[in-house]
């Protein structure tokens, strides 16, 4: 499966993941609600990995879209899209690939201007 996402001129596309409740698609909200009502799952409906989905589909999937105990509305992506120097853009599952996500975060650095630099 090719996870690289290219636009028409061959360059990698910017992936915009939903980070607020307003950015989560109504279809996904409905599917989550129906799953919770019908199945009583042991995990959030959005936590279920879909390895056959495209990079764009994975980037839009959310694991959590609900208020927390403080009343703040929390949105957690199921997959985090990262740029890998060898593989290009790829989606890392927030549970299954947690160690690799941690490795990516540890690589982040900020220079004197406050700009994030990646190794």
PDB file of N, CA and C in Angstrom:
ATOM      1  N   UNK A   1       0.843  -1.181   0.000  1.00  0.00           N
ATOM      2  CA  UNK A   1       0.000   0.000   0.000  1.00  0.00           C
ATOM      3  C   UNK A   1       0.886   1.241   0.000  1.00  0.00           C
ATOM      4  N   UNK A   2       0.618   2.181  -0.847  1.00  0.00           N
ATOM      5  CA  UNK A   2       1.384   3.407  -0.955  1.00  0.00           C
ATOM      6  C   UNK A   2       0.698   4.486  -0.122  1.00  0.00           C
ATOM      7  N   UNK A   3       1.355   4.904   0.973  1.00  0.00           N
ATOM      8  CA  UNK A   3       0.778   5.915   1.844  1.00  0.00           C
ATOM      9  C   UNK A   3       1.157   7.324   1.426  1.00  0.00           C
ATOM     10  N   UNK A   4       2.030   7.452   0.446  1.00  0.00           N
ATOM     11  CA  UNK A   4       2.414   8.782   0.039  1.00  0.00           C
ATOM     12  C   UNK A   4       1.262   9.450  -0.688  1.00  0.00           C
ATOM     13  N   UNK A   5       1.070  10.719  -0.400  1.00  0.00           N
ATOM     14  CA  UNK A   5      -0.007  11.480  -0.993  1.00  0.00           C
ATOM     15  C   UNK A   5       0.601  12.597  -1.831  1.00  0.00           C
ATOM     16  N   UNK A   6       0.368  12.548  -3.113  1.00  0.00           N
ATOM     17  CA  UNK A   6       0.953  13.539  -4.023  1.00  0.00           C
ATOM     18  C   UNK A   6      -0.149  14.336  -4.701  1.00  0.00           C
ATOM     19  N   UNK A   7       0.137  15.607  -4.962  1.00  0.00           N
ATOM     20  CA  UNK A   7      -0.815  16.392  -5.735  1.00  0.00           C
ATOM     21  C   UNK A   7      -0.476  16.252  -7.217  1.00  0.00           C
ATOM     22  N   UNK A   8      -1.164  16.973  -8.067  1.00  0.00           N
ATOM     23  CA  UNK A   8      -1.024  16.786  -9.513  1.00  0.00           C
ATOM     24  C   UNK A   8       0.372  17.102 -10.051  1.00  0.00           C
ATOM     25  N   UNK A   9       1.139  17.949  -9.324  1.00  0.00           N
ATOM     26  CA  UNK A   9       2.488  18.246  -9.816  1.00  0.00           C
ATOM     27  C   UNK A   9       3.559  17.355  -9.176  1.00  0.00           C
ATOM     28  N   UNK A  10       3.135  16.288  -8.456  1.00  0.00           N
ATOM     29  CA  UNK A  10       4.078  15.320  -7.922  1.00  0.00           C
ATOM     30  C   UNK A  10       4.616  15.633  -6.540  1.00  0.00           C
ATOM     31  N   UNK A  11       4.235  16.767  -5.950  1.00  0.00           N
ATOM     32  CA  UNK A  11       4.695  17.114  -4.613  1.00  0.00           C
ATOM     33  C   UNK A  11       3.728  16.572  -3.566  1.00  0.00           C
ATOM     34  N   UNK A  12       4.271  16.300  -2.354  1.00  0.00           N
ATOM     35  CA  UNK A  12       3.412  15.804  -1.290  1.00  0.00           C
ATOM     36  C   UNK A  12       2.394  16.868  -0.911  1.00  0.00           C
ATOM     37  N   UNK A  13       1.150  16.421  -0.673  1.00  0.00           N
ATOM     38  CA  UNK A  13       0.077  17.328  -0.292  1.00  0.00           C
ATOM     39  C   UNK A  13       0.139  17.589   1.206  1.00  0.00           C
ATOM     40  N   UNK A  14      -0.322  18.774   1.603  1.00  0.00           N
ATOM     41  CA  UNK A  14      -0.480  19.058   3.015  1.00  0.00           C
ATOM     42  C   UNK A  14      -1.715  18.323   3.499  1.00  0.00           C
ATOM     43  N   UNK A  15      -1.582  17.667   4.625  1.00  0.00           N
ATOM     44  CA  UNK A  15      -2.689  16.933   5.229  1.00  0.00           C
ATOM     45  C   UNK A  15      -3.205  17.768   6.392  1.00  0.00           C
ATOM     46  N   UNK A  16      -4.483  18.083   6.379  1.00  0.00           N
ATOM     47  CA  UNK A  16      -5.102  18.828   7.462  1.00  0.00           C
ATOM     48  C   UNK A  16      -6.005  17.890   8.249  1.00  0.00           C
ATOM     49  N   UNK A  17      -5.569  17.582   9.475  1.00  0.00           N
ATOM     50  CA  UNK A  17      -6.332  16.676  10.311  1.00  0.00           C
ATOM     51  C   UNK A  17      -7.327  17.451  11.162  1.00  0.00           C
ATOM     52  N   UNK A  18      -8.492  16.863  11.450  1.00  0.00           N
ATOM     53  CA  UNK A  18      -9.457  17.536  12.320  1.00  0.00           C
ATOM     54  C   UNK A  18      -8.916  17.616  13.745  1.00  0.00           C
ATOM     55  N   UNK A  19      -8.914  18.831  14.293  1.00  0.00           N
ATOM     56  CA  UNK A  19      -8.429  19.034  15.648  1.00  0.00           C
ATOM     57  C   UNK A  19      -9.482  19.666  16.549  1.00  0.00           C
ATOM     58  N   UNK A  20     -10.604  20.061  15.967  1.00  0.00           N
ATOM     59  CA  UNK A  20     -11.699  20.619  16.752  1.00  0.00           C
ATOM     60  C   UNK A  20     -12.974  19.873  16.400  1.00  0.00           C
ATOM     61  N   UNK A  21     -13.956  19.971  17.273  1.00  0.00           N
ATOM     62  CA  UNK A  21     -15.229  19.273  17.051  1.00  0.00           C
ATOM     63  C   UNK A  21     -15.882  19.708  15.746  1.00  0.00           C
ATOM     64  N   UNK A  22     -15.732  20.959  15.378  1.00  0.00           N
ATOM     65  CA  UNK A  22     -16.336  21.479  14.154  1.00  0.00           C
ATOM     66  C   UNK A  22     -15.700  20.895  12.895  1.00  0.00           C
ATOM     67  N   UNK A  23     -14.476  20.420  13.003  1.00  0.00           N
ATOM     68  CA  UNK A  23     -13.768  19.880  11.846  1.00  0.00           C
ATOM     69  C   UNK A  23     -14.045  18.395  11.610  1.00  0.00           C
ATOM     70  N   UNK A  24     -14.660  17.723  12.570  1.00  0.00           N
ATOM     71  CA  UNK A  24     -14.978  16.305  12.422  1.00  0.00           C
ATOM     72  C   UNK A  24     -16.217  16.184  11.550  1.00  0.00           C
ATOM     73  N   UNK A  25     -16.164  15.320  10.551  1.00  0.00           N
ATOM     74  CA  UNK A  25     -17.272  15.203   9.607  1.00  0.00           C
ATOM     75  C   UNK A  25     -18.540  14.707  10.304  1.00  0.00           C
ATOM     76  N   UNK A  26     -19.700  15.219   9.881  1.00  0.00           N
ATOM     77  CA  UNK A  26     -20.972  14.752  10.452  1.00  0.00           C
ATOM     78  C   UNK A  26     -21.181  13.248  10.245  1.00  0.00           C
ATOM     79  N   UNK A  27     -20.704  12.722   9.126  1.00  0.00           N
ATOM     80  CA  UNK A  27     -20.841  11.292   8.856  1.00  0.00           C
ATOM     81  C   UNK A  27     -20.074  10.460   9.889  1.00  0.00           C
ATOM     82  N   UNK A  28     -18.882  10.929  10.234  1.00  0.00           N
ATOM     83  CA  UNK A  28     -18.078  10.210  11.222  1.00  0.00           C
ATOM     84  C   UNK A  28     -18.717  10.296  12.610  1.00  0.00           C
ATOM     85  N   UNK A  29     -19.244  11.476  12.961  1.00  0.00           N
ATOM     86  CA  UNK A  29     -19.932  11.632  14.244  1.00  0.00           C
ATOM     87  C   UNK A  29     -21.119  10.669  14.325  1.00  0.00           C
ATOM     88  N   UNK A  30     -21.884  10.577  13.236  1.00  0.00           N
ATOM     89  CA  UNK A  30     -23.055   9.699  13.206  1.00  0.00           C
ATOM     90  C   UNK A  30     -22.632   8.233  13.338  1.00  0.00           C
ATOM     91  N   UNK A  31     -21.580   7.839  12.619  1.00  0.00           N
ATOM     92  CA  UNK A  31     -21.106   6.457  12.673  1.00  0.00           C
ATOM     93  C   UNK A  31     -20.632   6.092  14.082  1.00  0.00           C
ATOM     94  N   UNK A  32     -19.927   7.016  14.740  1.00  0.00           N
ATOM     95  CA  UNK A  32     -19.474   6.761  16.106  1.00  0.00           C
ATOM     96  C   UNK A  32     -20.671   6.595  17.044  1.00  0.00           C
ATOM     97  N   UNK A  33     -21.630   7.492  16.920  1.00  0.00           N
ATOM     98  CA  UNK A  33     -22.826   7.448  17.775  1.00  0.00           C
ATOM     99  C   UNK A  33     -23.571   6.127  17.587  1.00  0.00           C
ATOM    100  N   UNK A  34     -23.747   5.702  16.339  1.00  0.00           N
ATOM    101  CA  UNK A  34     -24.451   4.445  16.054  1.00  0.00           C
ATOM    102  C   UNK A  34     -23.692   3.247  16.629  1.00  0.00           C
ATOM    103  N   UNK A  35     -22.373   3.252  16.512  1.00  0.00           N
ATOM    104  CA  UNK A  35     -21.568   2.157  17.058  1.00  0.00           C
ATOM    105  C   UNK A  35     -21.725   2.086  18.571  1.00  0.00           C
ATOM    106  N   UNK A  36     -21.681   3.239  19.222  1.00  0.00           N
ATOM    107  CA  UNK A  36     -21.816   3.261  20.676  1.00  0.00           C
ATOM    108  C   UNK A  36     -23.196   2.791  21.123  1.00  0.00           C
ATOM    109  N   UNK A  37     -24.219   3.130  20.356  1.00  0.00           N
ATOM    110  CA  UNK A  37     -25.586   2.737  20.715  1.00  0.00           C
ATOM    111  C   UNK A  37     -25.846   1.253  20.460  1.00  0.00           C
ATOM    112  N   UNK A  38     -25.241   0.682  19.437  1.00  0.00           N
ATOM    113  CA  UNK A  38     -25.558  -0.682  19.028  1.00  0.00           C
ATOM    114  C   UNK A  38     -24.620  -1.744  19.587  1.00  0.00           C
ATOM    115  N   UNK A  39     -23.359  -1.402  19.828  1.00  0.00           N
ATOM    116  CA  UNK A  39     -22.383  -2.439  20.134  1.00  0.00           C
ATOM    117  C   UNK A  39     -21.866  -2.460  21.566  1.00  0.00           C
ATOM    118  N   UNK A  40     -21.877  -1.332  22.276  1.00  0.00           N
ATOM    119  CA  UNK A  40     -21.247  -1.233  23.586  1.00  0.00           C
ATOM    120  C   UNK A  40     -19.781  -1.692  23.496  1.00  0.00           C
ATOM    121  N   UNK A  41     -18.983  -1.037  22.623  1.00  0.00           N
ATOM    122  CA  UNK A  41     -17.608  -1.487  22.378  1.00  0.00           C
ATOM    123  C   UNK A  41     -16.693  -1.252  23.584  1.00  0.00           C
ATOM    124  N   UNK A  42     -15.599  -1.998  23.639  1.00  0.00           N
ATOM    125  CA  UNK A  42     -14.615  -1.827  24.706  1.00  0.00           C
ATOM    126  C   UNK A  42     -13.581  -0.754  24.370  1.00  0.00           C
ATOM    127  N   UNK A  43     -13.564  -0.293  23.116  1.00  0.00           N
ATOM    128  CA  UNK A  43     -12.685   0.798  22.694  1.00  0.00           C
ATOM    129  C   UNK A  43     -13.534   1.846  21.981  1.00  0.00           C
ATOM    130  N   UNK A  44     -12.999   3.042  21.884  1.00  0.00           N
ATOM    131  CA  UNK A  44     -13.690   4.080  21.119  1.00  0.00           C
ATOM    132  C   UNK A  44     -13.838   3.612  19.674  1.00  0.00           C
ATOM    133  N   UNK A  45     -14.968   3.912  19.045  1.00  0.00           N
ATOM    134  CA  UNK A  45     -15.161   3.474  17.649  1.00  0.00           C
ATOM    135  C   UNK A  45     -14.030   3.925  16.722  1.00  0.00           C
ATOM    136  N   UNK A  46     -13.497   5.097  16.950  1.00  0.00           N
ATOM    137  CA  UNK A  46     -12.436   5.616  16.098  1.00  0.00           C
ATOM    138  C   UNK A  46     -11.068   5.020  16.350  1.00  0.00           C
ATOM    139  N   UNK A  47     -10.925   4.247  17.433  1.00  0.00           N
ATOM    140  CA  UNK A  47      -9.641   3.616  17.733  1.00  0.00           C
ATOM    141  C   UNK A  47      -9.352   2.427  16.843  1.00  0.00           C
ATOM    142  N   UNK A  48     -10.360   1.916  16.200  1.00  0.00           N
ATOM    143  CA  UNK A  48     -10.188   0.720  15.379  1.00  0.00           C
ATOM    144  C   UNK A  48      -9.390   1.061  14.121  1.00  0.00           C
ATOM    145  N   UNK A  49      -8.209   0.453  13.962  1.00  0.00           N
ATOM    146  CA  UNK A  49      -7.388   0.763  12.787  1.00  0.00           C
ATOM    147  C   UNK A  49      -8.027   0.251  11.504  1.00  0.00           C
ATOM    148  N   UNK A  50      -7.836   1.001  10.443  1.00  0.00           N
ATOM    149  CA  UNK A  50      -8.299   0.598   9.119  1.00  0.00           C
ATOM    150  C   UNK A  50      -7.092   0.660   8.198  1.00  0.00           C
ATOM    151  N   UNK A  51      -6.357  -0.437   8.140  1.00  0.00           N
ATOM    152  CA  UNK A  51      -5.113  -0.475   7.372  1.00  0.00           C
ATOM    153  C   UNK A  51      -5.332  -0.328   5.871  1.00  0.00           C
ATOM    154  N   UNK A  52      -6.538  -0.588   5.387  1.00  0.00           N
ATOM    155  CA  UNK A  52      -6.809  -0.484   3.953  1.00  0.00           C
ATOM    156  C   UNK A  52      -7.198   0.925   3.518  1.00  0.00           C
ATOM    157  N   UNK A  53      -7.366   1.836   4.463  1.00  0.00           N
ATOM    158  CA  UNK A  53      -7.753   3.212   4.137  1.00  0.00           C
ATOM    159  C   UNK A  53      -6.569   3.956   3.524  1.00  0.00           C
ATOM    160  N   UNK A  54      -6.881   4.959   2.716  1.00  0.00           N
ATOM    161  CA  UNK A  54      -5.835   5.803   2.132  1.00  0.00           C
ATOM    162  C   UNK A  54      -5.281   6.739   3.210  1.00  0.00           C
ATOM    163  N   UNK A  55      -4.171   7.375   2.915  1.00  0.00           N
ATOM    164  CA  UNK A  55      -3.570   8.332   3.843  1.00  0.00           C
ATOM    165  C   UNK A  55      -4.564   9.445   4.177  1.00  0.00           C
ATOM    166  N   UNK A  56      -5.275   9.939   3.172  1.00  0.00           N
ATOM    167  CA  UNK A  56      -6.250  11.005   3.408  1.00  0.00           C
ATOM    168  C   UNK A  56      -7.384  10.536   4.322  1.00  0.00           C
ATOM    169  N   UNK A  57      -7.863   9.309   4.093  1.00  0.00           N
ATOM    170  CA  UNK A  57      -8.936   8.768   4.938  1.00  0.00           C
ATOM    171  C   UNK A  57      -8.448   8.580   6.375  1.00  0.00           C
ATOM    172  N   UNK A  58      -7.252   8.056   6.528  1.00  0.00           N
ATOM    173  CA  UNK A  58      -6.702   7.886   7.870  1.00  0.00           C
ATOM    174  C   UNK A  58      -6.523   9.227   8.562  1.00  0.00           C
ATOM    175  N   UNK A  59      -6.100  10.234   7.827  1.00  0.00           N
ATOM    176  CA  UNK A  59      -5.856  11.544   8.434  1.00  0.00           C
ATOM    177  C   UNK A  59      -7.135  12.191   8.956  1.00  0.00           C
ATOM    178  N   UNK A  60      -8.277  11.798   8.430  1.00  0.00           N
ATOM    179  CA  UNK A  60      -9.549  12.376   8.854  1.00  0.00           C
ATOM    180  C   UNK A  60     -10.221  11.586   9.981  1.00  0.00           C
ATOM    181  N   UNK A  61      -9.735  10.387  10.266  1.00  0.00           N
ATOM    182  CA  UNK A  61     -10.362   9.550  11.290  1.00  0.00           C
ATOM    183  C   UNK A  61      -9.995  10.062  12.680  1.00  0.00           C
ATOM    184  N   UNK A  62     -10.996  10.200  13.550  1.00  0.00           N
ATOM    185  CA  UNK A  62     -10.747  10.618  14.925  1.00  0.00           C
ATOM    186  C   UNK A  62     -11.099   9.488  15.881  1.00  0.00           C
ATOM    187  N   UNK A  63     -10.287   9.360  16.934  1.00  0.00           N
ATOM    188  CA  UNK A  63     -10.517   8.339  17.951  1.00  0.00           C
ATOM    189  C   UNK A  63     -11.497   8.853  18.994  1.00  0.00           C
ATOM    190  N   UNK A  64     -11.338  10.113  19.377  1.00  0.00           N
ATOM    191  CA  UNK A  64     -12.170  10.702  20.422  1.00  0.00           C
ATOM    192  C   UNK A  64     -12.703  12.038  19.916  1.00  0.00           C
ATOM    193  N   UNK A  65     -13.994  12.243  20.103  1.00  0.00           N
ATOM    194  CA  UNK A  65     -14.668  13.505  19.774  1.00  0.00           C
ATOM    195  C   UNK A  65     -15.755  13.692  20.827  1.00  0.00           C
ATOM    196  N   UNK A  66     -15.329  14.150  22.022  1.00  0.00           N
ATOM    197  CA  UNK A  66     -16.277  14.233  23.135  1.00  0.00           C
ATOM    198  C   UNK A  66     -15.756  15.206  24.190  1.00  0.00           C
ATOM    199  N   UNK A  67     -16.663  15.717  25.015  1.00  0.00           N
ATOM    200  CA  UNK A  67     -16.218  16.553  26.130  1.00  0.00           C
ATOM    201  C   UNK A  67     -15.510  15.700  27.186  1.00  0.00           C
ATOM    202  N   UNK A  68     -14.517  16.293  27.837  1.00  0.00           N
ATOM    203  CA  UNK A  68     -13.867  15.576  28.928  1.00  0.00           C
ATOM    204  C   UNK A  68     -14.497  15.995  30.254  1.00  0.00           C
ATOM    205  N   UNK A  69     -13.939  15.550  31.344  1.00  0.00           N
ATOM    206  CA  UNK A  69     -14.524  15.805  32.659  1.00  0.00           C
ATOM    207  C   UNK A  69     -14.535  17.296  33.020  1.00  0.00           C
ATOM    208  N   UNK A  70     -13.638  18.083  32.406  1.00  0.00           N
ATOM    209  CA  UNK A  70     -13.587  19.523  32.689  1.00  0.00           C
ATOM    210  C   UNK A  70     -14.579  20.303  31.837  1.00  0.00           C
ATOM    211  N   UNK A  71     -15.195  19.644  30.863  1.00  0.00           N
ATOM    212  CA  UNK A  71     -16.133  20.318  29.971  1.00  0.00           C
ATOM    213  C   UNK A  71     -15.500  20.751  28.661  1.00  0.00           C
ATOM    214  N   UNK A  72     -14.170  20.674  28.563  1.00  0.00           N
ATOM    215  CA  UNK A  72     -13.503  20.991  27.297  1.00  0.00           C
ATOM    216  C   UNK A  72     -13.821  19.896  26.297  1.00  0.00           C
ATOM    217  N   UNK A  73     -14.019  20.285  25.036  1.00  0.00           N
ATOM    218  CA  UNK A  73     -14.291  19.299  23.992  1.00  0.00           C
ATOM    219  C   UNK A  73     -12.953  18.827  23.432  1.00  0.00           C
ATOM    220  N   UNK A  74     -12.731  17.532  23.459  1.00  0.00           N
ATOM    221  CA  UNK A  74     -11.459  16.942  23.047  1.00  0.00           C
ATOM    222  C   UNK A  74     -11.636  16.205  21.725  1.00  0.00           C
ATOM    223  N   UNK A  75     -10.714  16.444  20.795  1.00  0.00           N
ATOM    224  CA  UNK A  75     -10.650  15.698  19.537  1.00  0.00           C
ATOM    225  C   UNK A  75      -9.250  15.102  19.444  1.00  0.00           C
ATOM    226  N   UNK A  76      -9.194  13.763  19.328  1.00  0.00           N
ATOM    227  CA  UNK A  76      -7.918  13.061  19.212  1.00  0.00           C
ATOM    228  C   UNK A  76      -7.918  12.294  17.898  1.00  0.00           C
ATOM    229  N   UNK A  77      -6.996  12.612  16.993  1.00  0.00           N
ATOM    230  CA  UNK A  77      -6.912  11.853  15.740  1.00  0.00           C
ATOM    231  C   UNK A  77      -6.545  10.396  15.998  1.00  0.00           C
ATOM    232  N   UNK A  78      -7.093   9.499  15.205  1.00  0.00           N
ATOM    233  CA  UNK A  78      -6.735   8.088  15.312  1.00  0.00           C
ATOM    234  C   UNK A  78      -5.324   7.880  14.783  1.00  0.00           C
ATOM    235  N   UNK A  79      -5.000   8.559  13.703  1.00  0.00           N
ATOM    236  CA  UNK A  79      -3.687   8.462  13.087  1.00  0.00           C
ATOM    237  C   UNK A  79      -3.026   9.836  13.107  1.00  0.00           C
ATOM    238  N   UNK A  80      -1.720   9.844  13.310  1.00  0.00           N
ATOM    239  CA  UNK A  80      -0.934  11.066  13.186  1.00  0.00           C
ATOM    240  C   UNK A  80      -0.119  10.933  11.921  1.00  0.00           C
ATOM    241  N   UNK A  81      -0.250  11.904  11.040  1.00  0.00           N
ATOM    242  CA  UNK A  81       0.471  11.876   9.772  1.00  0.00           C
ATOM    243  C   UNK A  81       1.824  12.547   9.991  1.00  0.00           C
ATOM    244  N   UNK A  82       2.870  11.807   9.665  1.00  0.00           N
ATOM    245  CA  UNK A  82       4.231  12.313   9.829  1.00  0.00           C
ATOM    246  C   UNK A  82       4.975  12.199   8.505  1.00  0.00           C
ATOM    247  N   UNK A  83       6.006  13.010   8.366  1.00  0.00           N
ATOM    248  CA  UNK A  83       6.881  12.949   7.198  1.00  0.00           C
ATOM    249  C   UNK A  83       8.098  12.116   7.558  1.00  0.00           C
ATOM    250  N   UNK A  84       8.272  11.018   6.874  1.00  0.00           N
ATOM    251  CA  UNK A  84       9.417  10.141   7.079  1.00  0.00           C
ATOM    252  C   UNK A  84      10.379  10.389   5.932  1.00  0.00           C
ATOM    253  N   UNK A  85      11.664  10.658   6.208  1.00  0.00           N
ATOM    254  CA  UNK A  85      12.608  10.951   5.133  1.00  0.00           C
ATOM    255  C   UNK A  85      12.732   9.818   4.114  1.00  0.00           C
ATOM    256  N   UNK A  86      12.536   8.583   4.541  1.00  0.00           N
ATOM    257  CA  UNK A  86      12.689   7.447   3.640  1.00  0.00           C
ATOM    258  C   UNK A  86      11.379   7.045   2.975  1.00  0.00           C
ATOM    259  N   UNK A  87      10.262   7.165   3.713  1.00  0.00           N
ATOM    260  CA  UNK A  87       8.978   6.676   3.207  1.00  0.00           C
ATOM    261  C   UNK A  87       8.020   7.781   2.772  1.00  0.00           C
ATOM    262  N   UNK A  88       8.336   9.025   3.019  1.00  0.00           N
ATOM    263  CA  UNK A  88       7.405  10.119   2.723  1.00  0.00           C
ATOM    264  C   UNK A  88       6.368  10.210   3.825  1.00  0.00           C
ATOM    265  N   UNK A  89       5.209  10.742   3.502  1.00  0.00           N
ATOM    266  CA  UNK A  89       4.164  10.869   4.508  1.00  0.00           C
ATOM    267  C   UNK A  89       3.582   9.506   4.839  1.00  0.00           C
ATOM    268  N   UNK A  90       3.381   9.272   6.135  1.00  0.00           N
ATOM    269  CA  UNK A  90       2.749   8.027   6.545  1.00  0.00           C
ATOM    270  C   UNK A  90       1.894   8.290   7.778  1.00  0.00           C
ATOM    271  N   UNK A  91       0.912   7.430   7.983  1.00  0.00           N
ATOM    272  CA  UNK A  91      -0.022   7.559   9.094  1.00  0.00           C
ATOM    273  C   UNK A  91       0.369   6.588  10.195  1.00  0.00           C
ATOM    274  N   UNK A  92       0.533   7.119  11.410  1.00  0.00           N
ATOM    275  CA  UNK A  92       0.863   6.297  12.566  1.00  0.00           C
ATOM    276  C   UNK A  92      -0.352   6.232  13.481  1.00  0.00           C
ATOM    277  N   UNK A  93      -0.781   5.031  13.841  1.00  0.00           N
ATOM    278  CA  UNK A  93      -1.942   4.844  14.709  1.00  0.00           C
ATOM    279  C   UNK A  93      -1.567   5.286  16.124  1.00  0.00           C
ATOM    280  N   UNK A  94      -2.447   6.070  16.760  1.00  0.00           N
ATOM    281  CA  UNK A  94      -2.098   6.690  18.032  1.00  0.00           C
ATOM    282  C   UNK A  94      -1.880   5.695  19.166  1.00  0.00           C
ATOM    283  N   UNK A  95      -2.342   4.461  19.030  1.00  0.00           N
ATOM    284  CA  UNK A  95      -2.090   3.425  20.040  1.00  0.00           C
ATOM    285  C   UNK A  95      -1.045   2.444  19.536  1.00  0.00           C
ATOM    286  N   UNK A  96      -1.290   1.846  18.390  1.00  0.00           N
ATOM    287  CA  UNK A  96      -0.401   0.802  17.866  1.00  0.00           C
ATOM    288  C   UNK A  96       1.003   1.311  17.558  1.00  0.00           C
ATOM    289  N   UNK A  97       1.127   2.559  17.164  1.00  0.00           N
ATOM    290  CA  UNK A  97       2.428   3.127  16.783  1.00  0.00           C
ATOM    291  C   UNK A  97       2.909   4.178  17.782  1.00  0.00           C
ATOM    292  N   UNK A  98       2.472   4.079  19.041  1.00  0.00           N
ATOM    293  CA  UNK A  98       2.801   5.096  20.049  1.00  0.00           C
ATOM    294  C   UNK A  98       4.302   5.271  20.231  1.00  0.00           C
ATOM    295  N   UNK A  99       5.049   4.190  20.195  1.00  0.00           N
ATOM    296  CA  UNK A  99       6.497   4.290  20.375  1.00  0.00           C
ATOM    297  C   UNK A  99       7.135   5.068  19.227  1.00  0.00           C
ATOM    298  N   UNK A 100       6.704   4.807  18.000  1.00  0.00           N
ATOM    299  CA  UNK A 100       7.256   5.537  16.855  1.00  0.00           C
ATOM    300  C   UNK A 100       6.840   7.009  16.892  1.00  0.00           C
ATOM    301  N   UNK A 101       5.613   7.290  17.334  1.00  0.00           N
ATOM    302  CA  UNK A 101       5.169   8.685  17.487  1.00  0.00           C
ATOM    303  C   UNK A 101       6.058   9.391  18.509  1.00  0.00           C
ATOM    304  N   UNK A 102       6.354   8.723  19.622  1.00  0.00           N
ATOM    305  CA  UNK A 102       7.247   9.302  20.632  1.00  0.00           C
ATOM    306  C   UNK A 102       8.622   9.593  20.054  1.00  0.00           C
ATOM    307  N   UNK A 103       9.123   8.681  19.223  1.00  0.00           N
ATOM    308  CA  UNK A 103      10.424   8.895  18.584  1.00  0.00           C
ATOM    309  C   UNK A 103      10.405  10.132  17.698  1.00  0.00           C
ATOM    310  N   UNK A 104       9.321  10.323  16.952  1.00  0.00           N
ATOM    311  CA  UNK A 104       9.192  11.492  16.074  1.00  0.00           C
ATOM    312  C   UNK A 104       9.173  12.766  16.910  1.00  0.00           C
ATOM    313  N   UNK A 105       8.439  12.747  18.006  1.00  0.00           N
ATOM    314  CA  UNK A 105       8.350  13.932  18.870  1.00  0.00           C
ATOM    315  C   UNK A 105       9.712  14.265  19.463  1.00  0.00           C
ATOM    316  N   UNK A 106      10.466  13.247  19.869  1.00  0.00           N
ATOM    317  CA  UNK A 106      11.797  13.486  20.453  1.00  0.00           C
ATOM    318  C   UNK A 106      12.760  14.120  19.450  1.00  0.00           C
ATOM    319  N   UNK A 107      12.499  13.940  18.164  1.00  0.00           N
ATOM    320  CA  UNK A 107      13.379  14.508  17.144  1.00  0.00           C
ATOM    321  C   UNK A 107      13.168  16.013  16.961  1.00  0.00           C
ATOM    322  N   UNK A 108      12.087  16.517  17.496  1.00  0.00           N
ATOM    323  CA  UNK A 108      11.761  17.934  17.302  1.00  0.00           C
ATOM    324  C   UNK A 108      12.733  18.818  18.093  1.00  0.00           C
ATOM    325  N   UNK A 109      13.132  19.887  17.478  1.00  0.00           N
ATOM    326  CA  UNK A 109      13.999  20.868  18.120  1.00  0.00           C
ATOM    327  C   UNK A 109      13.509  22.256  17.718  1.00  0.00           C
ATOM    328  N   UNK A 110      13.793  23.238  18.551  1.00  0.00           N
ATOM    329  CA  UNK A 110      13.429  24.626  18.254  1.00  0.00           C
ATOM    330  C   UNK A 110      14.719  25.445  18.213  1.00  0.00           C
ATOM    331  N   UNK A 111      14.875  26.266  17.162  1.00  0.00           N
ATOM    332  CA  UNK A 111      16.084  27.085  17.068  1.00  0.00           C
ATOM    333  C   UNK A 111      15.903  28.401  17.831  1.00  0.00           C
ATOM    334  N   UNK A 112      16.889  29.276  17.746  1.00  0.00           N
ATOM    335  CA  UNK A 112      16.875  30.537  18.494  1.00  0.00           C
ATOM    336  C   UNK A 112      15.702  31.425  18.105  1.00  0.00           C
ATOM    337  N   UNK A 113      15.174  31.288  16.897  1.00  0.00           N
ATOM    338  CA  UNK A 113      14.052  32.120  16.429  1.00  0.00           C
ATOM    339  C   UNK A 113      12.706  31.516  16.825  1.00  0.00           C
ATOM    340  N   UNK A 114      12.728  30.401  17.511  1.00  0.00           N
ATOM    341  CA  UNK A 114      11.481  29.749  17.876  1.00  0.00           C
ATOM    342  C   UNK A 114      10.920  28.880  16.782  1.00  0.00           C
ATOM    343  N   UNK A 115      11.676  28.700  15.700  1.00  0.00           N
ATOM    344  CA  UNK A 115      11.233  27.850  14.591  1.00  0.00           C
ATOM    345  C   UNK A 115      11.549  26.407  14.908  1.00  0.00           C
ATOM    346  N   UNK A 116      10.597  25.540  14.647  1.00  0.00           N
ATOM    347  CA  UNK A 116      10.805  24.111  14.888  1.00  0.00           C
ATOM    348  C   UNK A 116      11.704  23.530  13.820  1.00  0.00           C
ATOM    349  N   UNK A 117      12.717  22.841  14.267  1.00  0.00           N
ATOM    350  CA  UNK A 117      13.655  22.174  13.384  1.00  0.00           C
ATOM    351  C   UNK A 117      13.550  20.675  13.630  1.00  0.00           C
ATOM    352  N   UNK A 118      13.540  19.897  12.551  1.00  0.00           N
ATOM    353  CA  UNK A 118      13.451  18.435  12.686  1.00  0.00           C
ATOM    354  C   UNK A 118      14.763  17.832  12.242  1.00  0.00           C
ATOM    355  N   UNK A 119      15.192  16.806  12.951  1.00  0.00           N
ATOM    356  CA  UNK A 119      16.437  16.105  12.585  1.00  0.00           C
ATOM    357  C   UNK A 119      16.150  15.031  11.602  1.00  0.00           C
TER     358      UNK A 119
END
